[in-house]
Amino acid sequence: MAESASIFNRVVDAVDIETTILCSSEAEAKGIGLEMLKALGFKDGDIVSVEFTGMSARLRLRGNVFKPGDKYQWEK
């Protein structure tokens, strides 16, 4: 994510991701969601919602780029 770091400096707060994953439980879906955020390079993130349907789950994730109080790149 080094080259794309400058792109993320333009994000004011967070990036939202919505996807459907195959899983066997809501707990597994949450674990996969958090792993996905880490794999995408987010240091901090949250699960916004999970809708488990029996064989898959609809996940809404939020990868935080900046949180309130952080030092923003444009504030130099």
Protein backbone atom coordinates (compact mmCIF):
# COMPACT_ATOMS: atom_id res chain seq x y z
CA MET A 1 0.00 0.00 0.00
CA ALA A 2 3.08 2.28 -0.03
CA GLU A 3 2.41 3.70 -3.50
CA SER A 4 -1.29 4.15 -2.79
CA ALA A 5 -0.60 5.82 0.59
CA SER A 6 -0.82 9.27 -1.03
CA ILE A 7 -4.29 8.37 -2.32
CA PHE A 8 -5.42 7.54 1.21
CA ASN A 9 -4.16 10.93 2.40
CA ARG A 10 -7.10 12.40 0.49
CA VAL A 11 -9.62 10.36 2.51
CA VAL A 12 -11.02 12.44 5.37
CA ASP A 13 -12.19 9.61 7.61
CA ALA A 14 -12.81 6.02 6.46
CA VAL A 15 -13.42 3.65 3.56
CA ASP A 16 -16.59 1.54 3.60
CA ILE A 17 -16.61 -1.93 2.05
CA GLU A 18 -19.67 -4.09 1.38
CA THR A 19 -19.34 -7.70 0.23
CA THR A 20 -20.81 -11.18 0.52
CA ILE A 21 -18.60 -14.02 1.77
CA LEU A 22 -19.08 -17.76 2.13
CA CYS A 23 -19.01 -18.82 5.80
CA SER A 24 -20.62 -21.20 8.25
CA SER A 25 -21.55 -18.74 11.01
CA GLU A 26 -21.86 -15.08 11.90
CA ALA A 27 -18.76 -15.36 14.10
CA GLU A 28 -16.74 -16.75 11.19
CA ALA A 29 -17.99 -13.92 8.96
CA LYS A 30 -16.83 -11.33 11.50
CA GLY A 31 -13.40 -12.96 11.73
CA ILE A 32 -13.02 -13.03 7.95
CA GLY A 33 -14.11 -9.39 7.75
CA LEU A 34 -11.48 -8.25 10.24
CA GLU A 35 -8.82 -10.33 8.46
CA MET A 36 -9.86 -8.72 5.17
CA LEU A 37 -9.39 -5.21 6.59
CA LYS A 38 -5.89 -6.15 7.80
CA ALA A 39 -5.03 -7.76 4.43
CA LEU A 40 -6.08 -4.53 2.69
CA GLY A 41 -3.66 -2.59 4.91
CA PHE A 42 -6.03 -0.91 7.35
CA LYS A 43 -4.54 -0.55 10.83
CA ASP A 44 -7.96 0.00 12.37
CA GLY A 45 -11.44 -0.99 11.29
CA ASP A 46 -14.90 -2.03 12.37
CA ILE A 47 -17.66 -4.37 11.36
CA VAL A 48 -20.65 -2.14 10.65
CA SER A 49 -23.15 -4.96 10.09
CA VAL A 50 -23.46 -8.69 9.35
CA GLU A 51 -26.46 -10.45 7.81
CA PHE A 52 -25.86 -14.21 8.05
CA THR A 53 -28.05 -16.30 5.72
CA GLY A 54 -27.01 -19.87 6.50
CA MET A 55 -24.21 -20.35 3.96
CA SER A 56 -22.99 -16.81 3.46
CA ALA A 57 -23.03 -13.39 5.07
CA ARG A 58 -23.45 -9.87 3.79
CA LEU A 59 -20.71 -7.82 5.46
CA ARG A 60 -20.40 -4.08 5.80
CA LEU A 61 -16.93 -3.05 6.95
CA ARG A 62 -15.29 0.27 7.69
CA GLY A 63 -11.54 0.72 7.35
CA ASN A 64 -10.46 3.81 9.26
CA VAL A 65 -7.88 5.96 7.51
CA PHE A 66 -8.11 8.87 9.95
CA LYS A 67 -9.99 9.09 13.24
CA PRO A 68 -10.92 12.28 15.13
CA GLY A 69 -7.80 13.79 16.65
CA ASP A 70 -5.39 12.19 14.16
CA LYS A 71 -2.76 14.32 12.42
CA TYR A 72 -4.12 14.86 8.91
CA GLN A 73 -1.64 15.01 6.02
CA TRP A 74 -3.06 18.30 4.74
CA GLU A 75 -2.45 20.01 8.12
CA LYS A 76 1.23 20.76 7.76
